Amino acid sequence: MKYQERSEAGQFPFDWRGHMPFGPIIVSFLAVVVWLVFILVFALYWSPSFSIFQDVIVTIVSLLVMGLLVGLMWVVWGMRFAKSSSA
């Protein structure tokens, strides 16, 4: 039975309440806020000593690092969810 299919009673075949991603959602939101604060502080204080090209590179690299960390967190959560739901 696929995870989208429901049983005859209209219920999902396993309990979804134990698999809610509250932690990853909160961490993702906080990561975006921290990244925005970092970019603001960088633009106001550290940026004048760099060229525009270096500023763009710092912004892109910081966004990639944040994206990789948040993505890794979601992969770990998803693998834990897949492991516990297949048992």
PDB file of N, CA and C in Angstrom:
ATOM      1  N   MET A   1       0.849  -1.183   0.000  1.00  0.00           N
ATOM      2  CA  MET A   1       0.000   0.000   0.000  1.00  0.00           C
ATOM      3  C   MET A   1       0.891   1.241   0.000  1.00  0.00           C
ATOM      4  N   LYS A   2       0.651   2.132  -0.911  1.00  0.00           N
ATOM      5  CA  LYS A   2       1.425   3.367  -0.971  1.00  0.00           C
ATOM      6  C   LYS A   2       1.063   4.261   0.205  1.00  0.00           C
ATOM      7  N   TYR A   3       1.975   5.196   0.520  1.00  0.00           N
ATOM      8  CA  TYR A   3       1.725   6.045   1.676  1.00  0.00           C
ATOM      9  C   TYR A   3       0.567   6.994   1.451  1.00  0.00           C
ATOM     10  N   GLN A   4       0.179   7.273   0.194  1.00  0.00           N
ATOM     11  CA  GLN A   4      -0.952   8.155  -0.045  1.00  0.00           C
ATOM     12  C   GLN A   4      -2.288   7.423   0.072  1.00  0.00           C
ATOM     13  N   GLU A   5      -2.271   6.109  -0.103  1.00  0.00           N
ATOM     14  CA  GLU A   5      -3.513   5.351  -0.078  1.00  0.00           C
ATOM     15  C   GLU A   5      -4.029   5.212   1.352  1.00  0.00           C
ATOM     16  N   ARG A   6      -5.314   5.195   1.460  1.00  0.00           N
ATOM     17  CA  ARG A   6      -5.929   5.041   2.776  1.00  0.00           C
ATOM     18  C   ARG A   6      -6.576   3.673   2.872  1.00  0.00           C
ATOM     19  N   SER A   7      -6.741   3.224   4.088  1.00  0.00           N
ATOM     20  CA  SER A   7      -7.411   1.949   4.289  1.00  0.00           C
ATOM     21  C   SER A   7      -8.911   2.120   4.087  1.00  0.00           C
ATOM     22  N   GLU A   8      -9.648   1.018   4.235  1.00  0.00           N
ATOM     23  CA  GLU A   8     -11.099   1.073   4.040  1.00  0.00           C
ATOM     24  C   GLU A   8     -11.780   2.038   5.002  1.00  0.00           C
ATOM     25  N   ALA A   9     -11.226   2.203   6.179  1.00  0.00           N
ATOM     26  CA  ALA A   9     -11.822   3.095   7.173  1.00  0.00           C
ATOM     27  C   ALA A   9     -11.465   4.555   6.913  1.00  0.00           C
ATOM     28  N   GLY A  10     -10.657   4.821   5.875  1.00  0.00           N
ATOM     29  CA  GLY A  10     -10.281   6.191   5.568  1.00  0.00           C
ATOM     30  C   GLY A  10      -9.096   6.684   6.366  1.00  0.00           C
ATOM     31  N   GLN A  11      -8.428   5.793   7.076  1.00  0.00           N
ATOM     32  CA  GLN A  11      -7.283   6.168   7.893  1.00  0.00           C
ATOM     33  C   GLN A  11      -5.991   5.741   7.192  1.00  0.00           C
ATOM     34  N   PHE A  12      -4.906   6.429   7.517  1.00  0.00           N
ATOM     35  CA  PHE A  12      -3.612   6.028   6.989  1.00  0.00           C
ATOM     36  C   PHE A  12      -3.200   4.726   7.663  1.00  0.00           C
ATOM     37  N   PRO A  13      -2.400   3.895   6.981  1.00  0.00           N
ATOM     38  CA  PRO A  13      -2.065   2.580   7.532  1.00  0.00           C
ATOM     39  C   PRO A  13      -1.135   2.615   8.741  1.00  0.00           C
ATOM     40  N   PHE A  14      -0.531   3.745   9.047  1.00  0.00           N
ATOM     41  CA  PHE A  14       0.288   3.845  10.256  1.00  0.00           C
ATOM     42  C   PHE A  14       0.106   5.223  10.868  1.00  0.00           C
ATOM     43  N   ASP A  15       0.562   5.369  12.086  1.00  0.00           N
ATOM     44  CA  ASP A  15       0.350   6.598  12.842  1.00  0.00           C
ATOM     45  C   ASP A  15       1.334   7.678  12.380  1.00  0.00           C
ATOM     46  N   TRP A  16       0.819   8.774  11.815  1.00  0.00           N
ATOM     47  CA  TRP A  16       1.642   9.867  11.323  1.00  0.00           C
ATOM     48  C   TRP A  16       2.081  10.823  12.434  1.00  0.00           C
ATOM     49  N   ARG A  17       1.413  10.783  13.567  1.00  0.00           N
ATOM     50  CA  ARG A  17       1.714  11.768  14.611  1.00  0.00           C
ATOM     51  C   ARG A  17       3.136  11.666  15.137  1.00  0.00           C
ATOM     52  N   GLY A  18       3.710  10.489  15.141  1.00  0.00           N
ATOM     53  CA  GLY A  18       5.075  10.325  15.634  1.00  0.00           C
ATOM     54  C   GLY A  18       6.129  10.774  14.645  1.00  0.00           C
ATOM     55  N   HIS A  19       5.718  11.175  13.448  1.00  0.00           N
ATOM     56  CA  HIS A  19       6.671  11.522  12.401  1.00  0.00           C
ATOM     57  C   HIS A  19       6.555  12.972  11.951  1.00  0.00           C
ATOM     58  N   MET A  20       6.002  13.819  12.759  1.00  0.00           N
ATOM     59  CA  MET A  20       5.872  15.221  12.379  1.00  0.00           C
ATOM     60  C   MET A  20       7.238  15.903  12.443  1.00  0.00           C
ATOM     61  N   PRO A  21       7.584  16.671  11.419  1.00  0.00           N
ATOM     62  CA  PRO A  21       8.927  17.272  11.353  1.00  0.00           C
ATOM     63  C   PRO A  21       9.025  18.631  12.029  1.00  0.00           C
ATOM     64  N   PHE A  22       8.607  18.730  13.284  1.00  0.00           N
ATOM     65  CA  PHE A  22       8.652  20.024  13.961  1.00  0.00           C
ATOM     66  C   PHE A  22      10.086  20.521  14.134  1.00  0.00           C
ATOM     67  N   GLY A  23      11.000  19.649  14.510  1.00  0.00           N
ATOM     68  CA  GLY A  23      12.398  20.043  14.686  1.00  0.00           C
ATOM     69  C   GLY A  23      13.015  20.562  13.397  1.00  0.00           C
ATOM     70  N   PRO A  24      12.943  19.797  12.304  1.00  0.00           N
ATOM     71  CA  PRO A  24      13.520  20.302  11.048  1.00  0.00           C
ATOM     72  C   PRO A  24      12.859  21.576  10.534  1.00  0.00           C
ATOM     73  N   ILE A  25      11.565  21.741  10.750  1.00  0.00           N
ATOM     74  CA  ILE A  25      10.891  22.967  10.308  1.00  0.00           C
ATOM     75  C   ILE A  25      11.422  24.169  11.075  1.00  0.00           C
ATOM     76  N   ILE A  26      11.547  24.022  12.385  1.00  0.00           N
ATOM     77  CA  ILE A  26      12.038  25.123  13.219  1.00  0.00           C
ATOM     78  C   ILE A  26      13.491  25.445  12.877  1.00  0.00           C
ATOM     79  N   VAL A  27      14.316  24.410  12.703  1.00  0.00           N
ATOM     80  CA  VAL A  27      15.724  24.634  12.370  1.00  0.00           C
ATOM     81  C   VAL A  27      15.850  25.280  10.987  1.00  0.00           C
ATOM     82  N   SER A  28      15.010  24.886  10.035  1.00  0.00           N
ATOM     83  CA  SER A  28      15.041  25.496   8.700  1.00  0.00           C
ATOM     84  C   SER A  28      14.692  26.976   8.773  1.00  0.00           C
ATOM     85  N   PHE A  29      13.660  27.304   9.538  1.00  0.00           N
ATOM     86  CA  PHE A  29      13.272  28.696   9.700  1.00  0.00           C
ATOM     87  C   PHE A  29      14.385  29.502  10.368  1.00  0.00           C
ATOM     88  N   LEU A  30      14.964  28.957  11.425  1.00  0.00           N
ATOM     89  CA  LEU A  30      16.046  29.655  12.117  1.00  0.00           C
ATOM     90  C   LEU A  30      17.278  29.801  11.225  1.00  0.00           C
ATOM     91  N   ALA A  31      17.558  28.806  10.384  1.00  0.00           N
ATOM     92  CA  ALA A  31      18.704  28.897   9.476  1.00  0.00           C
ATOM     93  C   ALA A  31      18.523  30.042   8.489  1.00  0.00           C
ATOM     94  N   VAL A  32      17.313  30.222   7.985  1.00  0.00           N
ATOM     95  CA  VAL A  32      17.048  31.328   7.060  1.00  0.00           C
ATOM     96  C   VAL A  32      17.223  32.667   7.772  1.00  0.00           C
ATOM     97  N   VAL A  33      16.718  32.774   8.984  1.00  0.00           N
ATOM     98  CA  VAL A  33      16.850  34.018   9.744  1.00  0.00           C
ATOM     99  C   VAL A  33      18.322  34.314  10.036  1.00  0.00           C
ATOM    100  N   VAL A  34      19.071  33.293  10.452  1.00  0.00           N
ATOM    101  CA  VAL A  34      20.497  33.486  10.748  1.00  0.00           C
ATOM    102  C   VAL A  34      21.256  33.876   9.480  1.00  0.00           C
ATOM    103  N   TRP A  35      20.908  33.264   8.341  1.00  0.00           N
ATOM    104  CA  TRP A  35      21.573  33.615   7.085  1.00  0.00           C
ATOM    105  C   TRP A  35      21.281  35.067   6.710  1.00  0.00           C
ATOM    106  N   LEU A  36      20.028  35.488   6.866  1.00  0.00           N
ATOM    107  CA  LEU A  36      19.685  36.883   6.552  1.00  0.00           C
ATOM    108  C   LEU A  36      20.416  37.864   7.460  1.00  0.00           C
ATOM    109  N   VAL A  37      20.539  37.533   8.736  1.00  0.00           N
ATOM    110  CA  VAL A  37      21.291  38.384   9.666  1.00  0.00           C
ATOM    111  C   VAL A  37      22.766  38.422   9.265  1.00  0.00           C
ATOM    112  N   PHE A  38      23.320  37.269   8.898  1.00  0.00           N
ATOM    113  CA  PHE A  38      24.716  37.223   8.457  1.00  0.00           C
ATOM    114  C   PHE A  38      24.925  38.106   7.228  1.00  0.00           C
ATOM    115  N   ILE A  39      24.038  38.012   6.250  1.00  0.00           N
ATOM    116  CA  ILE A  39      24.186  38.816   5.027  1.00  0.00           C
ATOM    117  C   ILE A  39      24.060  40.306   5.351  1.00  0.00           C
ATOM    118  N   LEU A  40      23.149  40.650   6.255  1.00  0.00           N
ATOM    119  CA  LEU A  40      22.995  42.055   6.643  1.00  0.00           C
ATOM    120  C   LEU A  40      24.254  42.570   7.336  1.00  0.00           C
ATOM    121  N   VAL A  41      24.776  41.814   8.289  1.00  0.00           N
ATOM    122  CA  VAL A  41      26.002  42.227   8.991  1.00  0.00           C
ATOM    123  C   VAL A  41      27.175  42.277   8.016  1.00  0.00           C
ATOM    124  N   PHE A  42      27.245  41.293   7.133  1.00  0.00           N
ATOM    125  CA  PHE A  42      28.317  41.286   6.139  1.00  0.00           C
ATOM    126  C   PHE A  42      28.240  42.523   5.244  1.00  0.00           C
ATOM    127  N   ALA A  43      27.043  42.843   4.786  1.00  0.00           N
ATOM    128  CA  ALA A  43      26.876  43.988   3.892  1.00  0.00           C
ATOM    129  C   ALA A  43      27.197  45.307   4.586  1.00  0.00           C
ATOM    130  N   LEU A  44      26.860  45.407   5.861  1.00  0.00           N
ATOM    131  CA  LEU A  44      27.065  46.671   6.562  1.00  0.00           C
ATOM    132  C   LEU A  44      28.492  46.871   7.071  1.00  0.00           C
ATOM    133  N   TYR A  45      29.147  45.798   7.524  1.00  0.00           N
ATOM    134  CA  TYR A  45      30.429  45.975   8.204  1.00  0.00           C
ATOM    135  C   TYR A  45      31.629  45.417   7.450  1.00  0.00           C
ATOM    136  N   TRP A  46      31.511  44.225   6.860  1.00  0.00           N
ATOM    137  CA  TRP A  46      32.680  43.589   6.265  1.00  0.00           C
ATOM    138  C   TRP A  46      32.792  43.842   4.771  1.00  0.00           C
ATOM    139  N   SER A  47      31.710  44.129   4.120  1.00  0.00           N
ATOM    140  CA  SER A  47      31.669  44.243   2.676  1.00  0.00           C
ATOM    141  C   SER A  47      32.504  45.380   2.087  1.00  0.00           C
ATOM    142  N   PRO A  48      32.647  46.526   2.731  1.00  0.00           N
ATOM    143  CA  PRO A  48      33.384  47.624   2.087  1.00  0.00           C
ATOM    144  C   PRO A  48      34.832  47.290   1.720  1.00  0.00           C
ATOM    145  N   SER A  49      35.433  46.331   2.387  1.00  0.00           N
ATOM    146  CA  SER A  49      36.821  46.002   2.060  1.00  0.00           C
ATOM    147  C   SER A  49      36.946  45.016   0.900  1.00  0.00           C
ATOM    148  N   PHE A  50      35.820  44.492   0.391  1.00  0.00           N
ATOM    149  CA  PHE A  50      35.831  43.537  -0.719  1.00  0.00           C
ATOM    150  C   PHE A  50      35.305  44.181  -1.991  1.00  0.00           C
ATOM    151  N   SER A  51      35.624  43.560  -3.114  1.00  0.00           N
ATOM    152  CA  SER A  51      35.063  44.019  -4.390  1.00  0.00           C
ATOM    153  C   SER A  51      33.648  43.451  -4.528  1.00  0.00           C
ATOM    154  N   ILE A  52      32.909  43.923  -5.530  1.00  0.00           N
ATOM    155  CA  ILE A  52      31.539  43.446  -5.736  1.00  0.00           C
ATOM    156  C   ILE A  52      31.541  41.957  -6.078  1.00  0.00           C
ATOM    157  N   PHE A  53      32.546  41.507  -6.818  1.00  0.00           N
ATOM    158  CA  PHE A  53      32.657  40.087  -7.159  1.00  0.00           C
ATOM    159  C   PHE A  53      32.839  39.244  -5.899  1.00  0.00           C
ATOM    160  N   GLN A  54      33.692  39.681  -4.994  1.00  0.00           N
ATOM    161  CA  GLN A  54      33.905  38.950  -3.747  1.00  0.00           C
ATOM    162  C   GLN A  54      32.649  38.951  -2.886  1.00  0.00           C
ATOM    163  N   ASP A  55      31.903  40.049  -2.895  1.00  0.00           N
ATOM    164  CA  ASP A  55      30.649  40.101  -2.146  1.00  0.00           C
ATOM    165  C   ASP A  55      29.651  39.071  -2.680  1.00  0.00           C
ATOM    166  N   VAL A  56      29.561  38.982  -4.001  1.00  0.00           N
ATOM    167  CA  VAL A  56      28.641  38.016  -4.615  1.00  0.00           C
ATOM    168  C   VAL A  56      29.070  36.593  -4.282  1.00  0.00           C
ATOM    169  N   ILE A  57      30.356  36.320  -4.333  1.00  0.00           N
ATOM    170  CA  ILE A  57      30.867  34.978  -4.019  1.00  0.00           C
ATOM    171  C   ILE A  57      30.577  34.615  -2.564  1.00  0.00           C
ATOM    172  N   VAL A  58      30.787  35.543  -1.635  1.00  0.00           N
ATOM    173  CA  VAL A  58      30.496  35.276  -0.219  1.00  0.00           C
ATOM    174  C   VAL A  58      29.017  34.977  -0.037  1.00  0.00           C
ATOM    175  N   THR A  59      28.154  35.727  -0.705  1.00  0.00           N
ATOM    176  CA  THR A  59      26.710  35.500  -0.602  1.00  0.00           C
ATOM    177  C   THR A  59      26.330  34.137  -1.154  1.00  0.00           C
ATOM    178  N   ILE A  60      26.848  33.786  -2.319  1.00  0.00           N
ATOM    179  CA  ILE A  60      26.508  32.500  -2.926  1.00  0.00           C
ATOM    180  C   ILE A  60      27.043  31.332  -2.101  1.00  0.00           C
ATOM    181  N   VAL A  61      28.288  31.428  -1.657  1.00  0.00           N
ATOM    182  CA  VAL A  61      28.874  30.339  -0.871  1.00  0.00           C
ATOM    183  C   VAL A  61      28.146  30.178   0.458  1.00  0.00           C
ATOM    184  N   SER A  62      27.812  31.274   1.108  1.00  0.00           N
ATOM    185  CA  SER A  62      27.092  31.161   2.384  1.00  0.00           C
ATOM    186  C   SER A  62      25.704  30.554   2.177  1.00  0.00           C
ATOM    187  N   LEU A  63      25.044  30.905   1.084  1.00  0.00           N
ATOM    188  CA  LEU A  63      23.737  30.320   0.776  1.00  0.00           C
ATOM    189  C   LEU A  63      23.864  28.824   0.481  1.00  0.00           C
ATOM    190  N   LEU A  64      24.898  28.431  -0.258  1.00  0.00           N
ATOM    191  CA  LEU A  64      25.121  27.017  -0.537  1.00  0.00           C
ATOM    192  C   LEU A  64      25.416  26.215   0.733  1.00  0.00           C
ATOM    193  N   VAL A  65      26.243  26.763   1.605  1.00  0.00           N
ATOM    194  CA  VAL A  65      26.568  26.073   2.860  1.00  0.00           C
ATOM    195  C   VAL A  65      25.314  25.915   3.712  1.00  0.00           C
ATOM    196  N   MET A  66      24.515  26.979   3.825  1.00  0.00           N
ATOM    197  CA  MET A  66      23.281  26.880   4.602  1.00  0.00           C
ATOM    198  C   MET A  66      22.338  25.858   3.971  1.00  0.00           C
ATOM    199  N   GLY A  67      22.218  25.891   2.655  1.00  0.00           N
ATOM    200  CA  GLY A  67      21.347  24.943   1.975  1.00  0.00           C
ATOM    201  C   GLY A  67      21.792  23.504   2.160  1.00  0.00           C
ATOM    202  N   LEU A  68      23.100  23.268   2.103  1.00  0.00           N
ATOM    203  CA  LEU A  68      23.609  21.919   2.315  1.00  0.00           C
ATOM    204  C   LEU A  68      23.348  21.427   3.735  1.00  0.00           C
ATOM    205  N   LEU A  69      23.549  22.295   4.713  1.00  0.00           N
ATOM    206  CA  LEU A  69      23.316  21.892   6.098  1.00  0.00           C
ATOM    207  C   LEU A  69      21.835  21.610   6.365  1.00  0.00           C
ATOM    208  N   VAL A  70      20.966  22.472   5.873  1.00  0.00           N
ATOM    209  CA  VAL A  70      19.519  22.254   6.055  1.00  0.00           C
ATOM    210  C   VAL A  70      19.077  21.018   5.274  1.00  0.00           C
ATOM    211  N   GLY A  71      19.590  20.856   4.061  1.00  0.00           N
ATOM    212  CA  GLY A  71      19.253  19.676   3.279  1.00  0.00           C
ATOM    213  C   GLY A  71      19.710  18.395   3.937  1.00  0.00           C
ATOM    214  N   LEU A  72      20.909  18.407   4.504  1.00  0.00           N
ATOM    215  CA  LEU A  72      21.406  17.229   5.217  1.00  0.00           C
ATOM    216  C   LEU A  72      20.528  16.904   6.418  1.00  0.00           C
ATOM    217  N   MET A  73      20.095  17.931   7.123  1.00  0.00           N
ATOM    218  CA  MET A  73      19.210  17.699   8.267  1.00  0.00           C
ATOM    219  C   MET A  73      17.910  17.035   7.820  1.00  0.00           C
ATOM    220  N   TRP A  74      17.326  17.506   6.701  1.00  0.00           N
ATOM    221  CA  TRP A  74      16.085  16.914   6.195  1.00  0.00           C
ATOM    222  C   TRP A  74      16.312  15.493   5.696  1.00  0.00           C
ATOM    223  N   VAL A  75      17.468  15.213   5.107  1.00  0.00           N
ATOM    224  CA  VAL A  75      17.764  13.847   4.660  1.00  0.00           C
ATOM    225  C   VAL A  75      17.853  12.912   5.853  1.00  0.00           C
ATOM    226  N   VAL A  76      18.521  13.348   6.907  1.00  0.00           N
ATOM    227  CA  VAL A  76      18.621  12.523   8.114  1.00  0.00           C
ATOM    228  C   VAL A  76      17.230  12.279   8.694  1.00  0.00           C
ATOM    229  N   TRP A  77      16.396  13.304   8.762  1.00  0.00           N
ATOM    230  CA  TRP A  77      15.040  13.122   9.274  1.00  0.00           C
ATOM    231  C   TRP A  77      14.257  12.170   8.368  1.00  0.00           C
ATOM    232  N   GLY A  78      14.373  12.335   7.057  1.00  0.00           N
ATOM    233  CA  GLY A  78      13.651  11.475   6.130  1.00  0.00           C
ATOM    234  C   GLY A  78      14.100  10.029   6.209  1.00  0.00           C
ATOM    235  N   MET A  79      15.394   9.804   6.350  1.00  0.00           N
ATOM    236  CA  MET A  79      15.883   8.431   6.477  1.00  0.00           C
ATOM    237  C   MET A  79      15.408   7.797   7.782  1.00  0.00           C
ATOM    238  N   ARG A  80      15.372   8.575   8.839  1.00  0.00           N
ATOM    239  CA  ARG A  80      14.858   8.053  10.107  1.00  0.00           C
ATOM    240  C   ARG A  80      13.372   7.729   9.981  1.00  0.00           C
ATOM    241  N   PHE A  81      12.629   8.585   9.293  1.00  0.00           N
ATOM    242  CA  PHE A  81      11.203   8.355   9.080  1.00  0.00           C
ATOM    243  C   PHE A  81      10.982   7.114   8.213  1.00  0.00           C
ATOM    244  N   ALA A  82      11.757   6.970   7.135  1.00  0.00           N
ATOM    245  CA  ALA A  82      11.599   5.821   6.244  1.00  0.00           C
ATOM    246  C   ALA A  82      11.959   4.530   6.983  1.00  0.00           C
ATOM    247  N   LYS A  83      12.973   4.589   7.833  1.00  0.00           N
ATOM    248  CA  LYS A  83      13.394   3.413   8.588  1.00  0.00           C
ATOM    249  C   LYS A  83      12.312   2.984   9.575  1.00  0.00           C
ATOM    250  N   SER A  84      11.711   3.960  10.271  1.00  0.00           N
ATOM    251  CA  SER A  84      10.724   3.613  11.288  1.00  0.00           C
ATOM    252  C   SER A  84       9.377   3.237  10.674  1.00  0.00           C
ATOM    253  N   SER A  85       9.049   3.743   9.486  1.00  0.00           N
ATOM    254  CA  SER A  85       7.741   3.430   8.890  1.00  0.00           C
ATOM    255  C   SER A  85       7.769   2.112   8.141  1.00  0.00           C
ATOM    256  N   SER A  86       8.959   1.628   7.749  1.00  0.00           N
ATOM    257  CA  SER A  86       9.016   0.371   7.003  1.00  0.00           C
ATOM    258  C   SER A  86       9.034  -0.831   7.923  1.00  0.00           C
ATOM    259  N   ALA A  87       9.274  -0.618   9.207  1.00  0.00           N
ATOM    260  CA  ALA A  87       9.333  -1.738  10.150  1.00  0.00           C
ATOM    261  C   ALA A  87       7.964  -2.234  10.543  1.00  0.00           C
TER     262      ALA A  87
END
